[in-house]
Amino acid sequence: MSFDLIEIPRRLCPARRFLITEQADQCVNWLKANGFDVLSIEPGPSITIRTSPLCNELEGAVAGYSRGLHGERRYKMVIRFDCAVYWLDEGVMQ
């Protein structure tokens, strides 16, 4: 695991940052148009959405988990418009 990934967006030239921002904006607009609530946008771009039954409609989702000080978090992730879209895998009706 490399922590250089966290620093990359700060070192990018303005044109590359603009392209990444445009890419994230396109994904956010698509998510909102399809009824998803966008909670946050992180460098990468990585977008977090609110868990809802609509999440089951996203094809190609991959399940994962992380462990931290506050316990284990289960989530799902899918790629849209070259952006990673994440949501918690709790409380979604099957």
N, C-alpha and C. Protein backbone atom coordinates (compact mmCIF):
# COMPACT_ATOMS: atom_id res chain seq x y z
N MET A 1 0.84 -1.18 0.00
CA MET A 1 0.00 0.00 0.00
C MET A 1 0.88 1.23 0.00
N SER A 2 0.57 2.16 -0.87
CA SER A 2 1.36 3.37 -0.99
C SER A 2 0.54 4.58 -0.59
N PHE A 3 1.10 5.42 0.24
CA PHE A 3 0.41 6.63 0.64
C PHE A 3 0.62 7.75 -0.37
N ASP A 4 1.39 7.50 -1.42
CA ASP A 4 1.57 8.49 -2.48
C ASP A 4 0.26 8.82 -3.18
N LEU A 5 -0.67 7.86 -3.19
CA LEU A 5 -1.95 8.09 -3.84
C LEU A 5 -2.70 9.26 -3.24
N ILE A 6 -2.52 9.49 -1.95
CA ILE A 6 -3.20 10.60 -1.29
C ILE A 6 -2.65 11.94 -1.78
N GLU A 7 -1.36 11.98 -2.10
CA GLU A 7 -0.71 13.21 -2.50
C GLU A 7 -0.87 13.55 -3.98
N ILE A 8 -1.20 12.59 -4.82
CA ILE A 8 -1.21 12.81 -6.25
C ILE A 8 -2.08 13.99 -6.68
N PRO A 9 -3.34 14.12 -6.25
CA PRO A 9 -4.16 15.24 -6.74
C PRO A 9 -3.56 16.61 -6.47
N ARG A 10 -2.80 16.79 -5.42
CA ARG A 10 -2.21 18.08 -5.11
C ARG A 10 -1.06 18.43 -6.05
N ARG A 11 -0.41 17.42 -6.60
CA ARG A 11 0.75 17.65 -7.46
C ARG A 11 0.39 17.70 -8.94
N LEU A 12 -0.85 17.45 -9.29
CA LEU A 12 -1.24 17.43 -10.69
C LEU A 12 -1.28 18.83 -11.27
N CYS A 13 -1.04 18.90 -12.55
CA CYS A 13 -1.14 20.19 -13.22
C CYS A 13 -2.61 20.61 -13.27
N PRO A 14 -2.88 21.89 -13.40
CA PRO A 14 -4.27 22.37 -13.41
C PRO A 14 -5.14 21.70 -14.47
N ALA A 15 -4.59 21.41 -15.64
CA ALA A 15 -5.38 20.79 -16.70
C ALA A 15 -5.83 19.39 -16.29
N ARG A 16 -4.96 18.62 -15.65
CA ARG A 16 -5.31 17.27 -15.20
C ARG A 16 -6.33 17.32 -14.07
N ARG A 17 -6.16 18.27 -13.15
CA ARG A 17 -7.15 18.42 -12.06
C ARG A 17 -8.51 18.77 -12.63
N PHE A 18 -8.53 19.61 -13.67
CA PHE A 18 -9.79 19.97 -14.31
C PHE A 18 -10.46 18.74 -14.92
N LEU A 19 -9.68 17.88 -15.59
CA LEU A 19 -10.24 16.66 -16.19
C LEU A 19 -10.82 15.73 -15.13
N ILE A 20 -10.11 15.59 -14.00
CA ILE A 20 -10.61 14.73 -12.91
C ILE A 20 -11.90 15.32 -12.34
N THR A 21 -11.93 16.63 -12.16
CA THR A 21 -13.13 17.28 -11.64
C THR A 21 -14.29 17.13 -12.61
N GLU A 22 -14.02 17.28 -13.89
CA GLU A 22 -15.06 17.11 -14.91
C GLU A 22 -15.60 15.68 -14.91
N GLN A 23 -14.70 14.72 -14.75
CA GLN A 23 -15.06 13.31 -14.69
C GLN A 23 -15.97 13.04 -13.49
N ALA A 24 -15.60 13.54 -12.32
CA ALA A 24 -16.41 13.35 -11.11
C ALA A 24 -17.76 14.04 -11.27
N ASP A 25 -17.76 15.22 -11.88
CA ASP A 25 -19.00 15.96 -12.07
C ASP A 25 -19.96 15.19 -12.97
N GLN A 26 -19.43 14.57 -14.01
CA GLN A 26 -20.25 13.77 -14.91
C GLN A 26 -20.88 12.59 -14.16
N CYS A 27 -20.09 11.94 -13.31
CA CYS A 27 -20.59 10.80 -12.54
C CYS A 27 -21.65 11.25 -11.53
N VAL A 28 -21.39 12.35 -10.83
CA VAL A 28 -22.35 12.86 -9.84
C VAL A 28 -23.66 13.23 -10.53
N ASN A 29 -23.59 13.88 -11.67
CA ASN A 29 -24.81 14.24 -12.41
C ASN A 29 -25.59 13.00 -12.81
N TRP A 30 -24.88 11.95 -13.25
CA TRP A 30 -25.54 10.71 -13.63
C TRP A 30 -26.21 10.06 -12.42
N LEU A 31 -25.49 10.04 -11.29
CA LEU A 31 -26.05 9.45 -10.07
C LEU A 31 -27.31 10.19 -9.62
N LYS A 32 -27.24 11.51 -9.60
CA LYS A 32 -28.40 12.31 -9.17
C LYS A 32 -29.57 12.14 -10.13
N ALA A 33 -29.30 12.08 -11.43
CA ALA A 33 -30.36 11.90 -12.42
C ALA A 33 -31.05 10.55 -12.26
N ASN A 34 -30.34 9.57 -11.71
CA ASN A 34 -30.91 8.24 -11.51
C ASN A 34 -31.44 8.01 -10.10
N GLY A 35 -31.52 9.08 -9.29
CA GLY A 35 -32.16 8.99 -7.99
C GLY A 35 -31.26 8.69 -6.81
N PHE A 36 -29.95 8.72 -6.97
CA PHE A 36 -29.03 8.45 -5.87
C PHE A 36 -28.70 9.75 -5.13
N ASP A 37 -28.50 9.64 -3.81
CA ASP A 37 -28.08 10.78 -2.99
C ASP A 37 -26.57 10.72 -2.82
N VAL A 38 -25.87 11.73 -3.30
CA VAL A 38 -24.41 11.80 -3.19
C VAL A 38 -24.06 12.40 -1.83
N LEU A 39 -23.25 11.67 -1.05
CA LEU A 39 -22.86 12.13 0.28
C LEU A 39 -21.52 12.85 0.28
N SER A 40 -20.54 12.34 -0.48
CA SER A 40 -19.22 12.98 -0.50
C SER A 40 -18.47 12.62 -1.77
N ILE A 41 -17.50 13.49 -2.10
CA ILE A 41 -16.61 13.28 -3.24
C ILE A 41 -15.19 13.45 -2.73
N GLU A 42 -14.37 12.43 -2.94
CA GLU A 42 -12.99 12.43 -2.47
C GLU A 42 -12.05 12.41 -3.68
N PRO A 43 -10.78 12.76 -3.47
CA PRO A 43 -9.82 12.66 -4.57
C PRO A 43 -9.75 11.23 -5.08
N GLY A 44 -9.55 11.10 -6.34
CA GLY A 44 -9.40 9.78 -6.92
C GLY A 44 -9.98 9.63 -8.31
N PRO A 45 -11.15 10.03 -8.64
CA PRO A 45 -12.26 10.44 -7.77
C PRO A 45 -13.00 9.24 -7.17
N SER A 46 -13.42 9.41 -5.94
CA SER A 46 -14.15 8.42 -5.18
C SER A 46 -15.41 9.09 -4.65
N ILE A 47 -16.56 8.53 -4.94
CA ILE A 47 -17.85 9.13 -4.57
C ILE A 47 -18.59 8.19 -3.63
N THR A 48 -19.11 8.73 -2.54
CA THR A 48 -19.90 7.96 -1.58
C THR A 48 -21.36 8.35 -1.74
N ILE A 49 -22.23 7.34 -1.87
CA ILE A 49 -23.66 7.59 -1.99
C ILE A 49 -24.40 6.98 -0.81
N ARG A 50 -25.62 7.47 -0.57
CA ARG A 50 -26.47 6.94 0.49
C ARG A 50 -26.98 5.56 0.07
N THR A 51 -26.96 4.62 1.00
CA THR A 51 -27.47 3.27 0.75
C THR A 51 -28.98 3.33 0.52
N SER A 52 -29.43 2.70 -0.54
CA SER A 52 -30.85 2.66 -0.85
C SER A 52 -31.13 1.41 -1.68
N PRO A 53 -32.40 1.05 -1.85
CA PRO A 53 -32.73 -0.10 -2.70
C PRO A 53 -32.24 0.06 -4.14
N LEU A 54 -32.06 1.31 -4.59
CA LEU A 54 -31.54 1.54 -5.94
C LEU A 54 -30.14 0.97 -6.12
N CYS A 55 -29.39 0.86 -5.04
CA CYS A 55 -28.02 0.34 -5.12
C CYS A 55 -27.99 -1.09 -5.67
N ASN A 56 -29.06 -1.84 -5.44
CA ASN A 56 -29.13 -3.21 -5.96
C ASN A 56 -29.21 -3.23 -7.48
N GLU A 57 -29.59 -2.11 -8.09
CA GLU A 57 -29.73 -2.02 -9.54
C GLU A 57 -28.40 -1.77 -10.24
N LEU A 58 -27.36 -1.40 -9.50
CA LEU A 58 -26.07 -1.10 -10.11
C LEU A 58 -25.34 -2.40 -10.46
N GLU A 59 -25.13 -2.61 -11.75
CA GLU A 59 -24.47 -3.83 -12.22
C GLU A 59 -22.97 -3.75 -12.00
N GLY A 60 -22.37 -4.88 -11.68
CA GLY A 60 -20.93 -4.95 -11.53
C GLY A 60 -20.41 -4.57 -10.16
N ALA A 61 -21.29 -4.49 -9.16
CA ALA A 61 -20.88 -4.10 -7.81
C ALA A 61 -20.02 -5.19 -7.17
N VAL A 62 -19.02 -4.76 -6.43
CA VAL A 62 -18.11 -5.66 -5.73
C VAL A 62 -18.22 -5.38 -4.24
N ALA A 63 -18.36 -6.43 -3.43
CA ALA A 63 -18.45 -6.26 -1.98
C ALA A 63 -17.06 -6.21 -1.36
N GLY A 64 -16.94 -5.45 -0.29
CA GLY A 64 -15.67 -5.35 0.42
C GLY A 64 -15.91 -4.98 1.88
N TYR A 65 -14.84 -4.93 2.64
CA TYR A 65 -14.96 -4.49 4.03
C TYR A 65 -13.66 -3.86 4.46
N SER A 66 -13.76 -3.04 5.51
CA SER A 66 -12.56 -2.44 6.10
C SER A 66 -12.70 -2.52 7.61
N ARG A 67 -11.57 -2.56 8.28
CA ARG A 67 -11.57 -2.59 9.74
C ARG A 67 -10.85 -1.37 10.25
N GLY A 68 -11.39 -0.80 11.32
CA GLY A 68 -10.78 0.38 11.90
C GLY A 68 -11.07 0.46 13.39
N LEU A 69 -10.86 1.61 13.96
CA LEU A 69 -11.10 1.82 15.38
C LEU A 69 -12.55 1.62 15.77
N HIS A 70 -13.44 1.89 14.84
CA HIS A 70 -14.88 1.81 15.14
C HIS A 70 -15.49 0.49 14.67
N GLY A 71 -14.66 -0.49 14.40
CA GLY A 71 -15.16 -1.80 14.00
C GLY A 71 -15.07 -2.02 12.50
N GLU A 72 -15.80 -3.01 12.06
CA GLU A 72 -15.78 -3.40 10.66
C GLU A 72 -16.89 -2.70 9.89
N ARG A 73 -16.57 -2.25 8.68
CA ARG A 73 -17.57 -1.63 7.80
C ARG A 73 -17.65 -2.44 6.52
N ARG A 74 -18.83 -2.86 6.19
CA ARG A 74 -19.04 -3.57 4.93
C ARG A 74 -19.60 -2.57 3.92
N TYR A 75 -19.08 -2.63 2.72
CA TYR A 75 -19.51 -1.70 1.69
C TYR A 75 -19.52 -2.41 0.34
N LYS A 76 -20.09 -1.74 -0.63
CA LYS A 76 -20.04 -2.21 -2.01
C LYS A 76 -19.49 -1.07 -2.86
N MET A 77 -18.90 -1.44 -3.98
CA MET A 77 -18.28 -0.46 -4.85
C MET A 77 -18.52 -0.84 -6.30
N VAL A 78 -18.72 0.18 -7.13
CA VAL A 78 -18.89 -0.01 -8.56
C VAL A 78 -18.17 1.14 -9.27
N ILE A 79 -17.72 0.91 -10.49
CA ILE A 79 -17.06 1.94 -11.28
C ILE A 79 -18.06 2.51 -12.28
N ARG A 80 -18.21 3.82 -12.27
CA ARG A 80 -19.03 4.54 -13.24
C ARG A 80 -18.26 5.77 -13.68
N PHE A 81 -18.14 5.96 -15.00
CA PHE A 81 -17.42 7.10 -15.57
C PHE A 81 -16.01 7.22 -14.99
N ASP A 82 -15.34 6.08 -14.81
CA ASP A 82 -13.99 6.01 -14.23
C ASP A 82 -13.91 6.57 -12.82
N CYS A 83 -15.02 6.58 -12.10
CA CYS A 83 -15.06 7.00 -10.70
C CYS A 83 -15.48 5.79 -9.86
N ALA A 84 -14.90 5.66 -8.68
CA ALA A 84 -15.29 4.61 -7.75
C ALA A 84 -16.48 5.12 -6.93
N VAL A 85 -17.59 4.41 -6.99
CA VAL A 85 -18.81 4.79 -6.27
C VAL A 85 -19.01 3.78 -5.14
N TYR A 86 -19.05 4.28 -3.89
CA TYR A 86 -19.15 3.43 -2.70
C TYR A 86 -20.46 3.68 -1.97
N TRP A 87 -20.96 2.63 -1.30
CA TRP A 87 -22.08 2.75 -0.39
C TRP A 87 -21.95 1.65 0.66
N LEU A 88 -22.52 1.89 1.85
CA LEU A 88 -22.50 0.90 2.90
C LEU A 88 -23.40 -0.26 2.53
N ASP A 89 -22.99 -1.45 2.88
CA ASP A 89 -23.74 -2.65 2.54
C ASP A 89 -24.60 -3.09 3.72
N GLU A 90 -25.21 -2.13 4.38
CA GLU A 90 -26.08 -2.43 5.52
C GLU A 90 -27.48 -1.87 5.24
N GLY A 91 -28.47 -2.64 5.54
CA GLY A 91 -29.83 -2.14 5.45
C GLY A 91 -30.39 -2.06 4.05
N VAL A 92 -29.74 -2.63 3.06
CA VAL A 92 -30.28 -2.63 1.71
C VAL A 92 -31.21 -3.81 1.57
N MET A 93 -32.43 -3.55 1.15
CA MET A 93 -33.40 -4.62 0.97
C MET A 93 -33.01 -5.49 -0.21
N GLN A 94 -33.03 -6.79 -0.03
CA GLN A 94 -32.65 -7.71 -1.11
C GLN A 94 -33.83 -8.03 -1.98
